[in-house]
Amino acid sequence: MALTNNKNSFGKAEQPLILSAPNNAKEVLLHTCCAPCSSAIIECLLYNGIRPTVFYYNPNIYPEEEYQIRKQECIRFTKSLKLSFVDADHDYTLWRSQMCGLENEPERSDRCLKCFQMRLSETARYASENGFSVFTTTLASSRWKSLEQINRAGNEAASHYDITFWGQNWRIGGLSERRAAIIKEYDFYNQQYCGCEFSKRRLEKKDSK
C-alpha cells in the first residue's frame, strides 16, 4: 500500500500538507467517523511526525449493520498501519433520545450540532482520562458537514476537560484528492450518507425520484 509515515514518500501526493499539532503535540486522539474520511488525514499526520490513536465513537450510525461495516473498515485500516484503535460504545438508543424533537431538521441544523457535541464530548473525556492533550476529528473532512459547527462542538468539549481541540480544516492541502485515491487502493466501503437514519431517509427519498 502507498500509505506511509516515511518522509521520503507520501503516496501519490506531490506536495503534502505540512502542519503541526497545537502545542507541537506528537500524539493526538483522532475521533474517526469512517475509514474513507480518516485515510488521508492519518497519512498526513504520520508524514508530519504526529501519531494518531483512532477513537471510534459514532452512536449516530444506523442501522446496526451499517455501523459494523464502517467500524470493521476502520479496524482493517488502522491495523494495516499498526496504530491503536479504541472501540467506544455504540449506544444508538442514547443518541436517538438526544435528538428528540430535532428529527425533521435538515442537514447542518441544530441536530447535527447536537450530534457533534455528543460525540466530541465523549472524545474529549477519553482524551483527558488517557493522557492526550490534543484531539481532533475526521468530521472536518466531510463536505456534508459545517466546519463552524464542528469547531464549536470541539472547542466546547475541550473547555470542559482543560485540553485542546485541534480545529484543522481537513479538506484542504490536497487531502480530498488523496482520500479518493486511497479509497481505491484499499477498496474501502464508501458510504453515501453521513450515518444517521435521517440522512439515510433523505438519500432513499432522493434515489426514489
N, C-alpha and C. Protein backbone atom coordinates (compact mmCIF):
# COMPACT_ATOMS: atom_id res chain seq x y z
N MET A 1 0.83 -1.19 0.00
CA MET A 1 0.00 0.00 0.00
C MET A 1 0.88 1.26 0.00
N ALA A 2 0.30 2.35 -0.48
CA ALA A 2 1.08 3.58 -0.60
C ALA A 2 1.19 4.34 0.71
N LEU A 3 0.31 4.07 1.67
CA LEU A 3 0.36 4.81 2.91
C LEU A 3 1.68 4.58 3.62
N THR A 4 2.18 5.63 4.20
CA THR A 4 3.49 5.54 4.83
C THR A 4 3.68 6.66 5.82
N ASN A 5 4.57 6.44 6.78
CA ASN A 5 4.99 7.54 7.64
C ASN A 5 6.43 7.93 7.32
N ASN A 6 6.93 7.45 6.20
CA ASN A 6 8.27 7.76 5.73
C ASN A 6 8.26 9.12 5.07
N LYS A 7 9.08 10.05 5.52
CA LYS A 7 9.06 11.40 4.98
C LYS A 7 9.63 11.47 3.57
N ASN A 8 10.17 10.39 3.06
CA ASN A 8 10.66 10.40 1.68
C ASN A 8 9.54 10.05 0.70
N SER A 9 8.39 9.69 1.21
CA SER A 9 7.29 9.30 0.35
C SER A 9 5.98 9.70 0.99
N PHE A 10 5.03 10.12 0.16
CA PHE A 10 3.71 10.47 0.67
C PHE A 10 2.67 9.96 -0.30
N GLY A 11 2.71 8.68 -0.55
CA GLY A 11 1.77 8.11 -1.50
C GLY A 11 1.94 8.77 -2.85
N LYS A 12 0.85 9.25 -3.43
CA LYS A 12 0.89 9.87 -4.74
C LYS A 12 0.82 11.39 -4.66
N ALA A 13 0.78 11.93 -3.46
CA ALA A 13 0.69 13.37 -3.30
C ALA A 13 2.02 14.02 -3.61
N GLU A 14 2.05 15.00 -4.49
CA GLU A 14 3.30 15.65 -4.86
C GLU A 14 3.70 16.71 -3.85
N GLN A 15 2.73 17.41 -3.25
CA GLN A 15 3.02 18.44 -2.29
C GLN A 15 2.20 18.20 -1.02
N PRO A 16 2.66 17.34 -0.14
CA PRO A 16 1.90 17.01 1.06
C PRO A 16 1.72 18.22 1.96
N LEU A 17 0.62 18.24 2.67
CA LEU A 17 0.30 19.32 3.59
C LEU A 17 1.25 19.28 4.78
N ILE A 18 1.93 20.38 5.02
CA ILE A 18 2.84 20.49 6.15
C ILE A 18 2.10 21.19 7.28
N LEU A 19 2.09 20.56 8.44
CA LEU A 19 1.40 21.14 9.58
C LEU A 19 2.00 20.66 10.88
N SER A 20 1.57 21.26 11.97
CA SER A 20 1.97 20.82 13.30
C SER A 20 0.76 20.90 14.21
N ALA A 21 0.69 20.01 15.16
CA ALA A 21 -0.43 19.99 16.09
C ALA A 21 -0.28 21.10 17.11
N PRO A 22 -1.36 21.53 17.73
CA PRO A 22 -1.26 22.53 18.80
C PRO A 22 -0.28 22.08 19.87
N ASN A 23 0.48 23.04 20.37
CA ASN A 23 1.49 22.77 21.40
C ASN A 23 2.56 21.80 20.93
N ASN A 24 2.65 21.65 19.59
CA ASN A 24 3.63 20.74 18.99
C ASN A 24 3.49 19.31 19.49
N ALA A 25 2.25 18.91 19.76
CA ALA A 25 1.99 17.55 20.24
C ALA A 25 2.39 16.53 19.18
N LYS A 26 2.98 15.43 19.62
CA LYS A 26 3.39 14.36 18.71
C LYS A 26 2.44 13.17 18.75
N GLU A 27 1.50 13.19 19.67
CA GLU A 27 0.46 12.18 19.72
C GLU A 27 -0.88 12.89 19.90
N VAL A 28 -1.88 12.48 19.13
CA VAL A 28 -3.20 13.08 19.23
C VAL A 28 -4.25 11.98 19.23
N LEU A 29 -5.40 12.29 19.82
CA LEU A 29 -6.55 11.39 19.74
C LEU A 29 -7.39 11.85 18.56
N LEU A 30 -7.60 10.95 17.62
CA LEU A 30 -8.32 11.27 16.40
C LEU A 30 -9.70 10.63 16.41
N HIS A 31 -10.72 11.45 16.65
CA HIS A 31 -12.08 10.93 16.52
C HIS A 31 -12.31 10.62 15.05
N THR A 32 -12.69 9.39 14.77
CA THR A 32 -12.81 8.91 13.40
C THR A 32 -14.23 8.45 13.10
N CYS A 33 -14.80 8.98 12.02
CA CYS A 33 -16.17 8.60 11.66
C CYS A 33 -16.20 7.41 10.70
N CYS A 34 -15.15 7.25 9.89
CA CYS A 34 -15.10 6.12 8.95
C CYS A 34 -13.70 6.04 8.36
N ALA A 35 -13.40 4.91 7.73
CA ALA A 35 -12.08 4.72 7.13
C ALA A 35 -11.83 5.68 5.96
N PRO A 36 -12.78 5.87 5.03
CA PRO A 36 -12.51 6.80 3.93
C PRO A 36 -12.16 8.21 4.41
N CYS A 37 -12.92 8.72 5.39
CA CYS A 37 -12.66 10.08 5.88
C CYS A 37 -11.34 10.19 6.62
N SER A 38 -10.94 9.12 7.29
CA SER A 38 -9.71 9.18 8.10
C SER A 38 -8.45 8.91 7.30
N SER A 39 -8.57 8.28 6.14
CA SER A 39 -7.40 7.76 5.42
C SER A 39 -6.33 8.80 5.13
N ALA A 40 -6.67 9.85 4.40
CA ALA A 40 -5.66 10.85 4.03
C ALA A 40 -5.22 11.66 5.25
N ILE A 41 -6.12 11.83 6.21
CA ILE A 41 -5.77 12.57 7.43
C ILE A 41 -4.69 11.81 8.20
N ILE A 42 -4.89 10.52 8.38
CA ILE A 42 -3.90 9.72 9.10
C ILE A 42 -2.57 9.72 8.36
N GLU A 43 -2.61 9.58 7.06
CA GLU A 43 -1.38 9.62 6.28
C GLU A 43 -0.65 10.94 6.48
N CYS A 44 -1.41 12.02 6.46
CA CYS A 44 -0.83 13.35 6.64
C CYS A 44 -0.22 13.52 8.02
N LEU A 45 -0.93 13.04 9.04
CA LEU A 45 -0.40 13.13 10.40
C LEU A 45 0.91 12.36 10.53
N LEU A 46 0.93 11.15 10.02
CA LEU A 46 2.15 10.35 10.10
C LEU A 46 3.30 11.01 9.35
N TYR A 47 3.00 11.56 8.19
CA TYR A 47 4.04 12.25 7.42
C TYR A 47 4.66 13.38 8.22
N ASN A 48 3.83 14.05 9.01
CA ASN A 48 4.31 15.19 9.81
C ASN A 48 4.81 14.80 11.20
N GLY A 49 5.02 13.51 11.41
CA GLY A 49 5.58 13.04 12.67
C GLY A 49 4.61 13.05 13.83
N ILE A 50 3.32 13.00 13.53
CA ILE A 50 2.28 13.00 14.56
C ILE A 50 1.58 11.65 14.54
N ARG A 51 1.57 10.98 15.67
CA ARG A 51 0.98 9.63 15.73
C ARG A 51 -0.44 9.71 16.28
N PRO A 52 -1.43 9.33 15.49
CA PRO A 52 -2.80 9.36 15.98
C PRO A 52 -3.22 8.04 16.63
N THR A 53 -4.02 8.14 17.65
CA THR A 53 -4.76 7.00 18.17
C THR A 53 -6.19 7.17 17.69
N VAL A 54 -6.71 6.17 17.03
CA VAL A 54 -8.04 6.26 16.41
C VAL A 54 -9.12 5.97 17.45
N PHE A 55 -10.02 6.93 17.61
CA PHE A 55 -11.12 6.80 18.58
C PHE A 55 -12.42 6.71 17.82
N TYR A 56 -13.05 5.54 17.89
CA TYR A 56 -14.26 5.29 17.11
C TYR A 56 -15.48 5.38 18.00
N TYR A 57 -16.10 6.55 18.00
CA TYR A 57 -17.31 6.76 18.77
C TYR A 57 -18.36 7.41 17.87
N ASN A 58 -19.29 6.61 17.38
CA ASN A 58 -20.28 7.07 16.41
C ASN A 58 -21.64 6.42 16.66
N PRO A 59 -22.29 6.78 17.78
CA PRO A 59 -23.58 6.17 18.10
C PRO A 59 -24.71 6.61 17.17
N ASN A 60 -24.43 7.57 16.30
CA ASN A 60 -25.41 8.05 15.33
C ASN A 60 -25.64 7.08 14.17
N ILE A 61 -24.68 6.20 13.90
CA ILE A 61 -24.74 5.38 12.67
C ILE A 61 -25.88 4.37 12.74
N TYR A 62 -26.62 4.32 11.66
CA TYR A 62 -27.83 3.50 11.56
C TYR A 62 -27.92 2.89 10.16
N PRO A 63 -28.35 1.63 10.05
CA PRO A 63 -28.67 0.68 11.12
C PRO A 63 -27.42 0.00 11.69
N GLU A 64 -27.63 -0.99 12.54
CA GLU A 64 -26.51 -1.70 13.18
C GLU A 64 -25.57 -2.31 12.15
N GLU A 65 -26.12 -2.87 11.10
CA GLU A 65 -25.28 -3.48 10.06
C GLU A 65 -24.34 -2.45 9.45
N GLU A 66 -24.86 -1.26 9.21
CA GLU A 66 -24.04 -0.17 8.65
C GLU A 66 -22.93 0.20 9.62
N TYR A 67 -23.29 0.26 10.89
CA TYR A 67 -22.30 0.59 11.92
C TYR A 67 -21.15 -0.42 11.92
N GLN A 68 -21.49 -1.68 11.88
CA GLN A 68 -20.46 -2.72 11.93
C GLN A 68 -19.56 -2.69 10.70
N ILE A 69 -20.15 -2.46 9.54
CA ILE A 69 -19.34 -2.38 8.32
C ILE A 69 -18.32 -1.26 8.42
N ARG A 70 -18.79 -0.08 8.83
CA ARG A 70 -17.89 1.07 8.93
C ARG A 70 -16.80 0.85 9.99
N LYS A 71 -17.21 0.27 11.11
CA LYS A 71 -16.23 0.02 12.16
C LYS A 71 -15.17 -0.97 11.71
N GLN A 72 -15.57 -2.04 11.07
CA GLN A 72 -14.61 -3.04 10.63
C GLN A 72 -13.65 -2.50 9.58
N GLU A 73 -14.13 -1.61 8.72
CA GLU A 73 -13.24 -0.99 7.75
C GLU A 73 -12.21 -0.11 8.46
N CYS A 74 -12.63 0.57 9.52
CA CYS A 74 -11.69 1.39 10.30
C CYS A 74 -10.65 0.52 10.99
N ILE A 75 -11.11 -0.59 11.53
CA ILE A 75 -10.18 -1.51 12.19
C ILE A 75 -9.18 -2.07 11.18
N ARG A 76 -9.66 -2.47 10.02
CA ARG A 76 -8.77 -3.00 8.98
C ARG A 76 -7.70 -1.99 8.60
N PHE A 77 -8.12 -0.75 8.41
CA PHE A 77 -7.19 0.30 8.01
C PHE A 77 -6.19 0.62 9.12
N THR A 78 -6.69 0.74 10.34
CA THR A 78 -5.83 1.08 11.48
C THR A 78 -4.80 -0.02 11.73
N LYS A 79 -5.22 -1.27 11.65
CA LYS A 79 -4.29 -2.38 11.86
C LYS A 79 -3.21 -2.42 10.78
N SER A 80 -3.57 -2.06 9.55
CA SER A 80 -2.59 -2.08 8.47
C SER A 80 -1.45 -1.09 8.73
N LEU A 81 -1.73 -0.07 9.54
CA LEU A 81 -0.72 0.94 9.86
C LEU A 81 -0.13 0.75 11.25
N LYS A 82 -0.58 -0.31 11.92
CA LYS A 82 -0.09 -0.63 13.27
C LYS A 82 -0.34 0.52 14.25
N LEU A 83 -1.52 1.12 14.14
CA LEU A 83 -1.93 2.18 15.04
C LEU A 83 -2.92 1.63 16.06
N SER A 84 -3.09 2.35 17.15
CA SER A 84 -4.03 1.93 18.20
C SER A 84 -5.44 2.34 17.82
N PHE A 85 -6.38 1.43 18.10
CA PHE A 85 -7.79 1.65 17.79
C PHE A 85 -8.60 1.52 19.07
N VAL A 86 -9.39 2.53 19.39
CA VAL A 86 -10.24 2.50 20.57
C VAL A 86 -11.68 2.31 20.11
N ASP A 87 -12.27 1.19 20.48
CA ASP A 87 -13.64 0.86 20.09
C ASP A 87 -14.58 1.34 21.20
N ALA A 88 -15.17 2.51 21.02
CA ALA A 88 -16.07 3.07 22.03
C ALA A 88 -17.47 2.48 21.87
N ASP A 89 -18.31 2.76 22.82
CA ASP A 89 -19.63 2.16 22.87
C ASP A 89 -20.54 2.68 21.77
N HIS A 90 -21.37 1.78 21.21
CA HIS A 90 -22.36 2.19 20.21
C HIS A 90 -23.74 2.11 20.85
N ASP A 91 -24.16 3.23 21.42
CA ASP A 91 -25.46 3.28 22.09
C ASP A 91 -26.40 4.12 21.24
N TYR A 92 -27.00 3.48 20.23
CA TYR A 92 -27.86 4.22 19.33
C TYR A 92 -29.11 4.74 20.03
N THR A 93 -29.61 3.98 21.00
CA THR A 93 -30.79 4.40 21.74
C THR A 93 -30.53 5.71 22.47
N LEU A 94 -29.36 5.83 23.07
CA LEU A 94 -28.97 7.07 23.76
C LEU A 94 -28.88 8.22 22.78
N TRP A 95 -28.21 7.97 21.65
CA TRP A 95 -28.08 9.04 20.64
C TRP A 95 -29.45 9.48 20.16
N ARG A 96 -30.32 8.51 19.88
CA ARG A 96 -31.65 8.83 19.35
C ARG A 96 -32.44 9.66 20.35
N SER A 97 -32.29 9.37 21.62
CA SER A 97 -33.01 10.13 22.65
C SER A 97 -32.51 11.57 22.71
N GLN A 98 -31.22 11.76 22.43
CA GLN A 98 -30.65 13.11 22.44
C GLN A 98 -31.14 13.95 21.26
N MET A 99 -31.59 13.29 20.22
CA MET A 99 -32.06 14.00 19.03
C MET A 99 -33.57 14.25 19.06
N CYS A 100 -34.23 13.92 20.14
CA CYS A 100 -35.67 14.07 20.26
C CYS A 100 -36.09 15.51 20.01
N GLY A 101 -37.05 15.68 19.11
CA GLY A 101 -37.54 17.00 18.76
C GLY A 101 -36.84 17.62 17.58
N LEU A 102 -35.76 16.98 17.13
CA LEU A 102 -34.97 17.51 16.02
C LEU A 102 -35.03 16.61 14.79
N GLU A 103 -35.93 15.66 14.80
CA GLU A 103 -35.99 14.63 13.77
C GLU A 103 -36.19 15.21 12.36
N ASN A 104 -36.92 16.29 12.25
CA ASN A 104 -37.25 16.84 10.93
C ASN A 104 -36.35 17.99 10.50
N GLU A 105 -35.30 18.21 11.27
CA GLU A 105 -34.35 19.27 10.92
C GLU A 105 -33.49 18.83 9.72
N PRO A 106 -33.07 19.77 8.89
CA PRO A 106 -32.23 19.43 7.73
C PRO A 106 -30.77 19.23 8.13
N GLU A 107 -29.96 18.83 7.17
CA GLU A 107 -28.52 18.72 7.41
C GLU A 107 -27.96 20.10 7.77
N ARG A 108 -26.94 20.11 8.61
CA ARG A 108 -26.29 21.34 9.09
C ARG A 108 -27.20 22.15 10.00
N SER A 109 -28.15 21.49 10.61
CA SER A 109 -29.09 22.14 11.53
C SER A 109 -28.61 21.92 12.97
N ASP A 110 -29.49 22.30 13.92
CA ASP A 110 -29.15 22.09 15.32
C ASP A 110 -29.00 20.62 15.67
N ARG A 111 -29.66 19.75 14.90
CA ARG A 111 -29.50 18.32 15.17
C ARG A 111 -28.06 17.88 14.92
N CYS A 112 -27.48 18.34 13.83
CA CYS A 112 -26.09 17.99 13.54
C CYS A 112 -25.16 18.54 14.62
N LEU A 113 -25.41 19.78 15.05
CA LEU A 113 -24.58 20.37 16.10
C LEU A 113 -24.67 19.53 17.37
N LYS A 114 -25.87 19.13 17.74
CA LYS A 114 -26.03 18.35 18.96
C LYS A 114 -25.35 16.99 18.83
N CYS A 115 -25.41 16.41 17.64
CA CYS A 115 -24.71 15.15 17.39
C CYS A 115 -23.21 15.32 17.56
N PHE A 116 -22.66 16.39 17.00
CA PHE A 116 -21.22 16.65 17.13
C PHE A 116 -20.85 16.86 18.59
N GLN A 117 -21.69 17.59 19.31
CA GLN A 117 -21.40 17.86 20.72
C GLN A 117 -21.34 16.58 21.52
N MET A 118 -22.24 15.68 21.25
CA MET A 118 -22.27 14.40 21.96
C MET A 118 -21.02 13.59 21.66
N ARG A 119 -20.67 13.47 20.41
CA ARG A 119 -19.54 12.63 20.02
C ARG A 119 -18.20 13.23 20.43
N LEU A 120 -18.06 14.53 20.30
CA LEU A 120 -16.77 15.14 20.63
C LEU A 120 -16.60 15.34 22.13
N SER A 121 -17.70 15.44 22.86
CA SER A 121 -17.60 15.49 24.32
C SER A 121 -17.05 14.17 24.85
N GLU A 122 -17.52 13.06 24.30
CA GLU A 122 -17.00 11.76 24.71
C GLU A 122 -15.54 11.59 24.30
N THR A 123 -15.19 12.12 23.14
CA THR A 123 -13.80 12.07 22.69
C THR A 123 -12.90 12.86 23.63
N ALA A 124 -13.35 14.04 24.01
CA ALA A 124 -12.57 14.88 24.92
C ALA A 124 -12.41 14.22 26.28
N ARG A 125 -13.48 13.59 26.76
CA ARG A 125 -13.40 12.89 28.04
C ARG A 125 -12.35 11.79 28.00
N TYR A 126 -12.40 10.98 26.95
CA TYR A 126 -11.44 9.89 26.82
C TYR A 126 -10.01 10.44 26.71
N ALA A 127 -9.85 11.49 25.93
CA ALA A 127 -8.52 12.09 25.77
C ALA A 127 -7.97 12.55 27.11
N SER A 128 -8.80 13.24 27.87
CA SER A 128 -8.37 13.77 29.17
C SER A 128 -7.98 12.66 30.13
N GLU A 129 -8.76 11.57 30.11
CA GLU A 129 -8.52 10.48 31.06
C GLU A 129 -7.40 9.54 30.63
N ASN A 130 -6.92 9.70 29.40
CA ASN A 130 -5.90 8.78 28.90
C ASN A 130 -4.63 9.47 28.41
N GLY A 131 -4.39 10.66 28.90
CA GLY A 131 -3.10 11.30 28.70
C GLY A 131 -2.90 12.05 27.39
N PHE A 132 -3.97 12.31 26.66
CA PHE A 132 -3.86 13.10 25.43
C PHE A 132 -4.14 14.56 25.74
N SER A 133 -3.30 15.43 25.23
CA SER A 133 -3.52 16.87 25.44
C SER A 133 -4.25 17.51 24.27
N VAL A 134 -4.32 16.78 23.14
CA VAL A 134 -4.92 17.32 21.91
C VAL A 134 -5.81 16.26 21.27
N PHE A 135 -6.96 16.69 20.77
CA PHE A 135 -7.79 15.79 19.97
C PHE A 135 -8.32 16.55 18.76
N THR A 136 -8.65 15.79 17.73
CA THR A 136 -9.21 16.37 16.52
C THR A 136 -10.21 15.36 15.94
N THR A 137 -10.84 15.69 14.82
CA THR A 137 -11.86 14.81 14.28
C THR A 137 -11.87 14.79 12.76
N THR A 138 -12.14 13.62 12.22
CA THR A 138 -12.25 13.47 10.77
C THR A 138 -13.55 14.04 10.23
N LEU A 139 -14.47 14.40 11.11
CA LEU A 139 -15.72 15.03 10.67
C LEU A 139 -15.43 16.26 9.81
N ALA A 140 -14.32 16.92 10.11
CA ALA A 140 -13.96 18.15 9.39
C ALA A 140 -13.48 17.90 7.97
N SER A 141 -13.50 16.65 7.54
CA SER A 141 -13.11 16.35 6.16
C SER A 141 -14.32 16.22 5.25
N SER A 142 -15.51 16.17 5.84
CA SER A 142 -16.72 15.88 5.06
C SER A 142 -17.35 17.14 4.47
N ARG A 143 -17.66 17.07 3.19
CA ARG A 143 -18.33 18.19 2.53
C ARG A 143 -19.77 18.33 3.01
N TRP A 144 -20.29 17.31 3.67
CA TRP A 144 -21.67 17.34 4.16
C TRP A 144 -21.80 18.09 5.48
N LYS A 145 -20.67 18.41 6.12
CA LYS A 145 -20.71 18.96 7.47
C LYS A 145 -20.31 20.43 7.51
N SER A 146 -20.77 21.11 8.56
CA SER A 146 -20.42 22.51 8.80
C SER A 146 -19.17 22.58 9.66
N LEU A 147 -18.13 23.19 9.14
CA LEU A 147 -16.90 23.34 9.92
C LEU A 147 -17.14 24.21 11.14
N GLU A 148 -18.00 25.20 11.00
CA GLU A 148 -18.30 26.07 12.14
C GLU A 148 -18.93 25.27 13.27
N GLN A 149 -19.85 24.39 12.94
CA GLN A 149 -20.49 23.56 13.97
C GLN A 149 -19.49 22.59 14.60
N ILE A 150 -18.66 22.00 13.77
CA ILE A 150 -17.67 21.05 14.28
C ILE A 150 -16.70 21.74 15.23
N ASN A 151 -16.21 22.89 14.84
CA ASN A 151 -15.27 23.61 15.69
C ASN A 151 -15.92 24.10 16.97
N ARG A 152 -17.15 24.52 16.88
CA ARG A 152 -17.88 24.94 18.09
C ARG A 152 -18.02 23.78 19.06
N ALA A 153 -18.45 22.63 18.54
CA ALA A 153 -18.62 21.45 19.40
C ALA A 153 -17.29 20.99 19.98
N GLY A 154 -16.24 21.00 19.17
CA GLY A 154 -14.93 20.57 19.64
C GLY A 154 -14.37 21.48 20.71
N ASN A 155 -14.47 22.78 20.50
CA ASN A 155 -13.94 23.72 21.49
C ASN A 155 -14.73 23.69 22.79
N GLU A 156 -16.05 23.52 22.69
CA GLU A 156 -16.87 23.39 23.90
C GLU A 156 -16.46 22.16 24.69
N ALA A 157 -16.28 21.05 23.99
CA ALA A 157 -15.89 19.81 24.66
C ALA A 157 -14.53 19.96 25.33
N ALA A 158 -13.60 20.56 24.61
CA ALA A 158 -12.25 20.73 25.16
C ALA A 158 -12.26 21.59 26.42
N SER A 159 -13.11 22.60 26.45
CA SER A 159 -13.15 23.53 27.59
C SER A 159 -13.58 22.84 28.88
N HIS A 160 -14.33 21.75 28.77
CA HIS A 160 -14.79 21.03 29.96
C HIS A 160 -13.71 20.14 30.55
N TYR A 161 -12.67 19.86 29.77
CA TYR A 161 -11.64 18.92 30.23
C TYR A 161 -10.24 19.52 30.22
N ASP A 162 -10.15 20.81 29.97
CA ASP A 162 -8.87 21.51 30.01
C ASP A 162 -7.84 20.87 29.08
N ILE A 163 -8.30 20.53 27.87
CA ILE A 163 -7.41 20.05 26.83
C ILE A 163 -7.66 20.87 25.58
N THR A 164 -6.98 20.56 24.49
CA THR A 164 -7.05 21.37 23.28
C THR A 164 -7.73 20.63 22.14
N PHE A 165 -8.69 21.31 21.52
CA PHE A 165 -9.29 20.78 20.30
C PHE A 165 -8.54 21.37 19.11
N TRP A 166 -8.10 20.50 18.22
CA TRP A 166 -7.39 20.92 17.02
C TRP A 166 -8.39 21.07 15.89
N GLY A 167 -8.80 22.31 15.62
CA GLY A 167 -9.81 22.57 14.62
C GLY A 167 -9.24 22.71 13.22
N GLN A 168 -8.54 21.70 12.78
CA GLN A 168 -7.93 21.71 11.46
C GLN A 168 -8.97 21.49 10.36
N ASN A 169 -8.86 22.25 9.28
CA ASN A 169 -9.70 22.02 8.11
C ASN A 169 -9.06 20.90 7.30
N TRP A 170 -9.62 19.70 7.41
CA TRP A 170 -9.03 18.54 6.76
C TRP A 170 -9.48 18.37 5.32
N ARG A 171 -10.05 19.44 4.73
CA ARG A 171 -10.46 19.38 3.33
C ARG A 171 -9.43 20.01 2.40
N ILE A 172 -8.46 20.70 2.98
CA ILE A 172 -7.51 21.46 2.17
C ILE A 172 -6.21 20.69 1.97
N GLY A 173 -5.31 21.29 1.20
CA GLY A 173 -3.97 20.73 1.03
C GLY A 173 -3.92 19.45 0.23
N GLY A 174 -4.91 19.23 -0.63
CA GLY A 174 -4.91 18.03 -1.45
C GLY A 174 -5.42 16.79 -0.76
N LEU A 175 -5.92 16.93 0.47
CA LEU A 175 -6.35 15.75 1.22
C LEU A 175 -7.61 15.11 0.63
N SER A 176 -8.49 15.93 0.07
CA SER A 176 -9.70 15.35 -0.54
C SER A 176 -9.34 14.49 -1.73
N GLU A 177 -8.39 14.95 -2.54
CA GLU A 177 -7.95 14.18 -3.70
C GLU A 177 -7.22 12.91 -3.27
N ARG A 178 -6.40 13.05 -2.23
CA ARG A 178 -5.65 11.89 -1.73
C ARG A 178 -6.60 10.85 -1.14
N ARG A 179 -7.63 11.33 -0.48
CA ARG A 179 -8.64 10.43 0.07
C ARG A 179 -9.24 9.57 -1.03
N ALA A 180 -9.61 10.17 -2.14
CA ALA A 180 -10.21 9.43 -3.25
C ALA A 180 -9.28 8.34 -3.76
N ALA A 181 -7.98 8.65 -3.81
CA ALA A 181 -7.00 7.67 -4.28
C ALA A 181 -6.86 6.51 -3.31
N ILE A 182 -6.84 6.81 -2.00
CA ILE A 182 -6.68 5.75 -1.00
C ILE A 182 -7.91 4.85 -0.97
N ILE A 183 -9.09 5.42 -1.15
CA ILE A 183 -10.31 4.61 -1.19
C ILE A 183 -10.19 3.53 -2.26
N LYS A 184 -9.63 3.89 -3.39
CA LYS A 184 -9.46 2.93 -4.48
C LYS A 184 -8.37 1.92 -4.13
N GLU A 185 -7.28 2.38 -3.54
CA GLU A 185 -6.17 1.50 -3.20
C GLU A 185 -6.59 0.42 -2.20
N TYR A 186 -7.38 0.81 -1.22
CA TYR A 186 -7.81 -0.12 -0.16
C TYR A 186 -9.14 -0.79 -0.47
N ASP A 187 -9.79 -0.35 -1.55
CA ASP A 187 -11.11 -0.86 -1.89
C ASP A 187 -12.06 -0.73 -0.71
N PHE A 188 -12.07 0.47 -0.12
CA PHE A 188 -12.92 0.74 1.02
C PHE A 188 -14.39 0.72 0.66
N TYR A 189 -15.20 0.27 1.61
CA TYR A 189 -16.63 0.52 1.54
C TYR A 189 -16.80 2.02 1.71
N ASN A 190 -17.45 2.68 0.76
CA ASN A 190 -17.59 4.13 0.79
C ASN A 190 -19.07 4.49 0.84
N GLN A 191 -19.54 4.83 2.03
CA GLN A 191 -20.96 5.10 2.24
C GLN A 191 -21.40 6.38 1.52
N GLN A 192 -22.71 6.46 1.29
CA GLN A 192 -23.27 7.59 0.56
C GLN A 192 -24.12 8.51 1.44
N TYR A 193 -24.12 8.28 2.74
CA TYR A 193 -24.82 9.18 3.66
C TYR A 193 -24.01 9.29 4.94
N CYS A 194 -24.29 10.32 5.73
CA CYS A 194 -23.41 10.62 6.86
C CYS A 194 -23.43 9.53 7.92
N GLY A 195 -24.57 8.86 8.07
CA GLY A 195 -24.61 7.78 9.04
C GLY A 195 -25.92 7.65 9.78
N CYS A 196 -26.59 8.77 10.07
CA CYS A 196 -27.80 8.69 10.87
C CYS A 196 -29.02 8.30 10.03
N GLU A 197 -30.06 7.90 10.70
CA GLU A 197 -31.26 7.44 9.99
C GLU A 197 -31.93 8.55 9.20
N PHE A 198 -31.74 9.79 9.63
CA PHE A 198 -32.37 10.91 8.95
C PHE A 198 -31.70 11.20 7.61
N SER A 199 -30.38 11.13 7.59
CA SER A 199 -29.66 11.33 6.32
C SER A 199 -29.91 10.14 5.39
N LYS A 200 -30.06 8.96 5.96
CA LYS A 200 -30.35 7.76 5.16
C LYS A 200 -31.72 7.90 4.49
N ARG A 201 -32.69 8.38 5.21
CA ARG A 201 -34.03 8.56 4.65
C ARG A 201 -34.01 9.57 3.50
N ARG A 202 -33.24 10.64 3.66
CA ARG A 202 -33.16 11.64 2.60
C ARG A 202 -32.52 11.05 1.34
N LEU A 203 -31.50 10.22 1.54
CA LEU A 203 -30.86 9.58 0.40
C LEU A 203 -31.83 8.64 -0.31
N GLU A 204 -32.56 7.86 0.45
CA GLU A 204 -33.53 6.93 -0.14
C GLU A 204 -34.64 7.68 -0.86
N LYS A 205 -35.07 8.80 -0.31
CA LYS A 205 -36.10 9.61 -0.94
C LYS A 205 -35.61 10.18 -2.24
N LYS A 206 -34.35 10.64 -2.24
CA LYS A 206 -33.74 11.19 -3.45
C LYS A 206 -33.60 10.14 -4.52
N ASP A 207 -33.17 8.92 -4.13
CA ASP A 207 -32.97 7.84 -5.09
C ASP A 207 -34.28 7.34 -5.68
N SER A 208 -35.37 7.52 -4.94
CA SER A 208 -36.67 7.02 -5.40
C SER A 208 -37.32 7.92 -6.43
N LYS A 209 -36.79 9.14 -6.59
CA LYS A 209 -37.37 10.08 -7.54
C LYS A 209 -36.98 9.74 -8.98
